[in-house]
Amino acid sequence: MNKHKNMEQSRKVEQSMIVEMIDASWELAERLGKHPLKSGCNCISCVNKRKRLLKRLEQEWKFSL
């Protein structure tokens, strides 16, 4: 029973750490404003740009504009 409580508590700590990291990345993006992709920048904008570069579209679109 005690082991279950410890696991649940550690999960809550991990979840709160993730939320804090996301909040910090949003605050950094607000402070920096619009900027090009920077190496090592952990604002949410640069993180999303890097993610898009690493994971290209897996399928081609049938239609184009």
PDB file of N, CA and C in Angstrom:
ATOM      1  N   MET A   1       0.822  -1.190   0.000  1.00  0.00           N
ATOM      2  CA  MET A   1       0.000   0.000   0.000  1.00  0.00           C
ATOM      3  C   MET A   1       0.869   1.258   0.000  1.00  0.00           C
ATOM      4  N   ASN A   2       1.927   1.261   0.811  1.00  0.00           N
ATOM      5  CA  ASN A   2       2.821   2.399   0.887  1.00  0.00           C
ATOM      6  C   ASN A   2       3.565   2.596  -0.433  1.00  0.00           C
ATOM      7  N   LYS A   3       3.903   1.491  -1.087  1.00  0.00           N
ATOM      8  CA  LYS A   3       4.605   1.563  -2.376  1.00  0.00           C
ATOM      9  C   LYS A   3       3.717   2.233  -3.424  1.00  0.00           C
ATOM     10  N   HIS A   4       2.430   1.930  -3.393  1.00  0.00           N
ATOM     11  CA  HIS A   4       1.477   2.526  -4.336  1.00  0.00           C
ATOM     12  C   HIS A   4       1.393   4.040  -4.119  1.00  0.00           C
ATOM     13  N   LYS A   5       1.379   4.482  -2.872  1.00  0.00           N
ATOM     14  CA  LYS A   5       1.325   5.915  -2.579  1.00  0.00           C
ATOM     15  C   LYS A   5       2.593   6.616  -3.062  1.00  0.00           C
ATOM     16  N   ASN A   6       3.739   5.978  -2.888  1.00  0.00           N
ATOM     17  CA  ASN A   6       4.997   6.565  -3.348  1.00  0.00           C
ATOM     18  C   ASN A   6       5.023   6.696  -4.868  1.00  0.00           C
ATOM     19  N   MET A   7       4.520   5.691  -5.564  1.00  0.00           N
ATOM     20  CA  MET A   7       4.476   5.741  -7.024  1.00  0.00           C
ATOM     21  C   MET A   7       3.549   6.853  -7.486  1.00  0.00           C
ATOM     22  N   GLU A   8       2.416   6.982  -6.837  1.00  0.00           N
ATOM     23  CA  GLU A   8       1.449   8.007  -7.203  1.00  0.00           C
ATOM     24  C   GLU A   8       2.026   9.403  -6.940  1.00  0.00           C
ATOM     25  N   GLN A   9       2.713   9.553  -5.823  1.00  0.00           N
ATOM     26  CA  GLN A   9       3.318  10.838  -5.489  1.00  0.00           C
ATOM     27  C   GLN A   9       4.426  11.187  -6.480  1.00  0.00           C
ATOM     28  N   SER A  10       5.251  10.214  -6.843  1.00  0.00           N
ATOM     29  CA  SER A  10       6.324  10.488  -7.803  1.00  0.00           C
ATOM     30  C   SER A  10       5.756  10.840  -9.174  1.00  0.00           C
ATOM     31  N   ARG A  11       4.649  10.233  -9.547  1.00  0.00           N
ATOM     32  CA  ARG A  11       4.000  10.560 -10.821  1.00  0.00           C
ATOM     33  C   ARG A  11       3.495  11.999 -10.806  1.00  0.00           C
ATOM     34  N   LYS A  12       2.930  12.421  -9.680  1.00  0.00           N
ATOM     35  CA  LYS A  12       2.450  13.797  -9.570  1.00  0.00           C
ATOM     36  C   LYS A  12       3.604  14.785  -9.643  1.00  0.00           C
ATOM     37  N   VAL A  13       4.726  14.437  -9.047  1.00  0.00           N
ATOM     38  CA  VAL A  13       5.911  15.301  -9.103  1.00  0.00           C
ATOM     39  C   VAL A  13       6.405  15.407 -10.538  1.00  0.00           C
ATOM     40  N   GLU A  14       6.450  14.294 -11.244  1.00  0.00           N
ATOM     41  CA  GLU A  14       6.888  14.306 -12.643  1.00  0.00           C
ATOM     42  C   GLU A  14       5.943  15.146 -13.494  1.00  0.00           C
ATOM     43  N   GLN A  15       4.642  15.004 -13.277  1.00  0.00           N
ATOM     44  CA  GLN A  15       3.672  15.775 -14.050  1.00  0.00           C
ATOM     45  C   GLN A  15       3.818  17.269 -13.778  1.00  0.00           C
ATOM     46  N   SER A  16       4.037  17.641 -12.527  1.00  0.00           N
ATOM     47  CA  SER A  16       4.192  19.058 -12.209  1.00  0.00           C
ATOM     48  C   SER A  16       5.484  19.614 -12.819  1.00  0.00           C
ATOM     49  N   MET A  17       6.545  18.800 -12.885  1.00  0.00           N
ATOM     50  CA  MET A  17       7.783  19.239 -13.518  1.00  0.00           C
ATOM     51  C   MET A  17       7.570  19.505 -15.003  1.00  0.00           C
ATOM     52  N   ILE A  18       6.815  18.646 -15.664  1.00  0.00           N
ATOM     53  CA  ILE A  18       6.535  18.822 -17.090  1.00  0.00           C
ATOM     54  C   ILE A  18       5.741  20.097 -17.321  1.00  0.00           C
ATOM     55  N   VAL A  19       4.729  20.331 -16.485  1.00  0.00           N
ATOM     56  CA  VAL A  19       3.919  21.540 -16.628  1.00  0.00           C
ATOM     57  C   VAL A  19       4.770  22.783 -16.393  1.00  0.00           C
ATOM     58  N   GLU A  20       5.667  22.741 -15.421  1.00  0.00           N
ATOM     59  CA  GLU A  20       6.561  23.874 -15.156  1.00  0.00           C
ATOM     60  C   GLU A  20       7.491  24.129 -16.333  1.00  0.00           C
ATOM     61  N   MET A  21       7.991  23.068 -16.960  1.00  0.00           N
ATOM     62  CA  MET A  21       8.864  23.229 -18.131  1.00  0.00           C
ATOM     63  C   MET A  21       8.101  23.876 -19.290  1.00  0.00           C
ATOM     64  N   ILE A  22       6.869  23.452 -19.503  1.00  0.00           N
ATOM     65  CA  ILE A  22       6.062  24.025 -20.577  1.00  0.00           C
ATOM     66  C   ILE A  22       5.786  25.499 -20.297  1.00  0.00           C
ATOM     67  N   ASP A  23       5.426  25.818 -19.051  1.00  0.00           N
ATOM     68  CA  ASP A  23       5.183  27.215 -18.684  1.00  0.00           C
ATOM     69  C   ASP A  23       6.428  28.070 -18.892  1.00  0.00           C
ATOM     70  N   ALA A  24       7.579  27.542 -18.502  1.00  0.00           N
ATOM     71  CA  ALA A  24       8.830  28.288 -18.666  1.00  0.00           C
ATOM     72  C   ALA A  24       9.139  28.522 -20.142  1.00  0.00           C
ATOM     73  N   SER A  25       8.860  27.538 -20.989  1.00  0.00           N
ATOM     74  CA  SER A  25       9.136  27.709 -22.419  1.00  0.00           C
ATOM     75  C   SER A  25       8.195  28.738 -23.037  1.00  0.00           C
ATOM     76  N   TRP A  26       6.953  28.810 -22.563  1.00  0.00           N
ATOM     77  CA  TRP A  26       6.012  29.833 -23.042  1.00  0.00           C
ATOM     78  C   TRP A  26       6.480  31.220 -22.615  1.00  0.00           C
ATOM     79  N   GLU A  27       6.905  31.347 -21.352  1.00  0.00           N
ATOM     80  CA  GLU A  27       7.376  32.639 -20.856  1.00  0.00           C
ATOM     81  C   GLU A  27       8.610  33.104 -21.624  1.00  0.00           C
ATOM     82  N   LEU A  28       9.516  32.191 -21.924  1.00  0.00           N
ATOM     83  CA  LEU A  28      10.712  32.530 -22.691  1.00  0.00           C
ATOM     84  C   LEU A  28      10.332  33.001 -24.092  1.00  0.00           C
ATOM     85  N   ALA A  29       9.374  32.334 -24.711  1.00  0.00           N
ATOM     86  CA  ALA A  29       8.931  32.731 -26.050  1.00  0.00           C
ATOM     87  C   ALA A  29       8.311  34.127 -26.015  1.00  0.00           C
ATOM     88  N   GLU A  30       7.569  34.433 -24.960  1.00  0.00           N
ATOM     89  CA  GLU A  30       6.975  35.764 -24.846  1.00  0.00           C
ATOM     90  C   GLU A  30       8.054  36.826 -24.665  1.00  0.00           C
ATOM     91  N   ARG A  31       9.076  36.533 -23.859  1.00  0.00           N
ATOM     92  CA  ARG A  31      10.162  37.491 -23.627  1.00  0.00           C
ATOM     93  C   ARG A  31      10.974  37.739 -24.898  1.00  0.00           C
ATOM     94  N   LEU A  32      11.298  36.665 -25.632  1.00  0.00           N
ATOM     95  CA  LEU A  32      12.146  36.797 -26.818  1.00  0.00           C
ATOM     96  C   LEU A  32      11.400  37.393 -27.998  1.00  0.00           C
ATOM     97  N   GLY A  33      10.114  37.171 -28.063  1.00  0.00           N
ATOM     98  CA  GLY A  33       9.347  37.642 -29.211  1.00  0.00           C
ATOM     99  C   GLY A  33       9.637  36.781 -30.431  1.00  0.00           C
ATOM    100  N   LYS A  34       9.243  37.282 -31.586  1.00  0.00           N
ATOM    101  CA  LYS A  34       9.453  36.516 -32.822  1.00  0.00           C
ATOM    102  C   LYS A  34      10.930  36.538 -33.181  1.00  0.00           C
ATOM    103  N   HIS A  35      11.502  35.366 -33.393  1.00  0.00           N
ATOM    104  CA  HIS A  35      12.916  35.250 -33.737  1.00  0.00           C
ATOM    105  C   HIS A  35      13.133  33.986 -34.559  1.00  0.00           C
ATOM    106  N   PRO A  36      14.230  33.952 -35.320  1.00  0.00           N
ATOM    107  CA  PRO A  36      14.509  32.748 -36.123  1.00  0.00           C
ATOM    108  C   PRO A  36      14.907  31.578 -35.226  1.00  0.00           C
ATOM    109  N   LEU A  37      14.907  30.422 -35.793  1.00  0.00           N
ATOM    110  CA  LEU A  37      15.284  29.210 -35.064  1.00  0.00           C
ATOM    111  C   LEU A  37      16.723  29.318 -34.583  1.00  0.00           C
ATOM    112  N   LYS A  38      16.910  29.174 -33.273  1.00  0.00           N
ATOM    113  CA  LYS A  38      18.242  29.271 -32.683  1.00  0.00           C
ATOM    114  C   LYS A  38      18.637  27.921 -32.113  1.00  0.00           C
ATOM    115  N   SER A  39      19.880  27.576 -32.282  1.00  0.00           N
ATOM    116  CA  SER A  39      20.391  26.345 -31.710  1.00  0.00           C
ATOM    117  C   SER A  39      20.455  26.495 -30.190  1.00  0.00           C
ATOM    118  N   GLY A  40      19.860  25.580 -29.470  1.00  0.00           N
ATOM    119  CA  GLY A  40      19.899  25.606 -28.014  1.00  0.00           C
ATOM    120  C   GLY A  40      18.811  26.432 -27.372  1.00  0.00           C
ATOM    121  N   CYS A  41      17.975  27.105 -28.146  1.00  0.00           N
ATOM    122  CA  CYS A  41      16.881  27.901 -27.585  1.00  0.00           C
ATOM    123  C   CYS A  41      15.756  26.948 -27.165  1.00  0.00           C
ATOM    124  N   ASN A  42      15.277  27.102 -25.943  1.00  0.00           N
ATOM    125  CA  ASN A  42      14.241  26.204 -25.426  1.00  0.00           C
ATOM    126  C   ASN A  42      12.876  26.859 -25.328  1.00  0.00           C
ATOM    127  N   CYS A  43      12.656  27.939 -26.093  1.00  0.00           N
ATOM    128  CA  CYS A  43      11.311  28.519 -26.086  1.00  0.00           C
ATOM    129  C   CYS A  43      10.398  27.593 -26.885  1.00  0.00           C
ATOM    130  N   ILE A  44       9.112  27.693 -26.641  1.00  0.00           N
ATOM    131  CA  ILE A  44       8.155  26.766 -27.255  1.00  0.00           C
ATOM    132  C   ILE A  44       8.157  26.907 -28.772  1.00  0.00           C
ATOM    133  N   SER A  45       8.426  28.110 -29.271  1.00  0.00           N
ATOM    134  CA  SER A  45       8.453  28.328 -30.713  1.00  0.00           C
ATOM    135  C   SER A  45       9.599  27.560 -31.371  1.00  0.00           C
ATOM    136  N   CYS A  46      10.797  27.658 -30.799  1.00  0.00           N
ATOM    137  CA  CYS A  46      11.948  26.955 -31.378  1.00  0.00           C
ATOM    138  C   CYS A  46      11.817  25.440 -31.209  1.00  0.00           C
ATOM    139  N   VAL A  47      11.254  25.011 -30.110  1.00  0.00           N
ATOM    140  CA  VAL A  47      11.045  23.575 -29.897  1.00  0.00           C
ATOM    141  C   VAL A  47      10.117  23.027 -30.976  1.00  0.00           C
ATOM    142  N   ASN A  48       9.027  23.745 -31.260  1.00  0.00           N
ATOM    143  CA  ASN A  48       8.094  23.295 -32.292  1.00  0.00           C
ATOM    144  C   ASN A  48       8.726  23.333 -33.679  1.00  0.00           C
ATOM    145  N   LYS A  49       9.543  24.351 -33.948  1.00  0.00           N
ATOM    146  CA  LYS A  49      10.211  24.425 -35.251  1.00  0.00           C
ATOM    147  C   LYS A  49      11.174  23.256 -35.437  1.00  0.00           C
ATOM    148  N   ARG A  50      11.946  22.932 -34.380  1.00  0.00           N
ATOM    149  CA  ARG A  50      12.871  21.796 -34.474  1.00  0.00           C
ATOM    150  C   ARG A  50      12.108  20.492 -34.674  1.00  0.00           C
ATOM    151  N   LYS A  51      10.981  20.357 -33.985  1.00  0.00           N
ATOM    152  CA  LYS A  51      10.182  19.139 -34.112  1.00  0.00           C
ATOM    153  C   LYS A  51       9.667  18.988 -35.541  1.00  0.00           C
ATOM    154  N   ARG A  52       9.245  20.093 -36.143  1.00  0.00           N
ATOM    155  CA  ARG A  52       8.763  20.032 -37.520  1.00  0.00           C
ATOM    156  C   ARG A  52       9.882  19.684 -38.492  1.00  0.00           C
ATOM    157  N   LEU A  53      11.094  20.186 -38.222  1.00  0.00           N
ATOM    158  CA  LEU A  53      12.227  19.864 -39.093  1.00  0.00           C
ATOM    159  C   LEU A  53      12.601  18.386 -38.990  1.00  0.00           C
ATOM    160  N   LEU A  54      12.537  17.836 -37.782  1.00  0.00           N
ATOM    161  CA  LEU A  54      12.918  16.438 -37.583  1.00  0.00           C
ATOM    162  C   LEU A  54      11.868  15.478 -38.121  1.00  0.00           C
ATOM    163  N   LYS A  55      10.622  15.853 -37.981  1.00  0.00           N
ATOM    164  CA  LYS A  55       9.548  14.959 -38.422  1.00  0.00           C
ATOM    165  C   LYS A  55       8.823  15.618 -39.592  1.00  0.00           C
ATOM    166  N   ARG A  56       9.331  15.375 -40.758  1.00  0.00           N
ATOM    167  CA  ARG A  56       8.703  15.913 -41.967  1.00  0.00           C
ATOM    168  C   ARG A  56       7.358  15.233 -42.189  1.00  0.00           C
ATOM    169  N   LEU A  57       6.599  15.769 -43.123  1.00  0.00           N
ATOM    170  CA  LEU A  57       5.326  15.139 -43.464  1.00  0.00           C
ATOM    171  C   LEU A  57       5.587  13.726 -43.948  1.00  0.00           C
ATOM    172  N   GLU A  58       4.882  12.792 -43.372  1.00  0.00           N
ATOM    173  CA  GLU A  58       5.100  11.398 -43.732  1.00  0.00           C
ATOM    174  C   GLU A  58       4.458  11.040 -45.062  1.00  0.00           C
ATOM    175  N   GLN A  59       3.435  11.757 -45.413  1.00  0.00           N
ATOM    176  CA  GLN A  59       2.781  11.471 -46.684  1.00  0.00           C
ATOM    177  C   GLN A  59       2.650  12.763 -47.479  1.00  0.00           C
ATOM    178  N   GLU A  60       2.628  12.649 -48.766  1.00  0.00           N
ATOM    179  CA  GLU A  60       2.462  13.804 -49.620  1.00  0.00           C
ATOM    180  C   GLU A  60       0.979  14.148 -49.717  1.00  0.00           C
ATOM    181  N   TRP A  61       0.707  15.421 -49.790  1.00  0.00           N
ATOM    182  CA  TRP A  61      -0.678  15.865 -49.956  1.00  0.00           C
ATOM    183  C   TRP A  61      -1.128  15.568 -51.382  1.00  0.00           C
ATOM    184  N   LYS A  62      -2.387  15.210 -51.535  1.00  0.00           N
ATOM    185  CA  LYS A  62      -2.930  14.955 -52.859  1.00  0.00           C
ATOM    186  C   LYS A  62      -3.178  16.269 -53.613  1.00  0.00           C
ATOM    187  N   PHE A  63      -3.532  17.309 -52.863  1.00  0.00           N
ATOM    188  CA  PHE A  63      -3.916  18.576 -53.468  1.00  0.00           C
ATOM    189  C   PHE A  63      -2.926  19.645 -53.053  1.00  0.00           C
ATOM    190  N   SER A  64      -2.767  20.633 -53.901  1.00  0.00           N
ATOM    191  CA  SER A  64      -1.892  21.751 -53.567  1.00  0.00           C
ATOM    192  C   SER A  64      -2.633  23.041 -53.830  1.00  0.00           C
ATOM    193  N   LEU A  65      -2.179  24.078 -53.196  1.00  0.00           N
ATOM    194  CA  LEU A  65      -2.819  25.396 -53.376  1.00  0.00           C
ATOM    195  C   LEU A  65      -2.125  26.171 -54.464  1.00  0.00           C
TER     196      LEU A  65
END
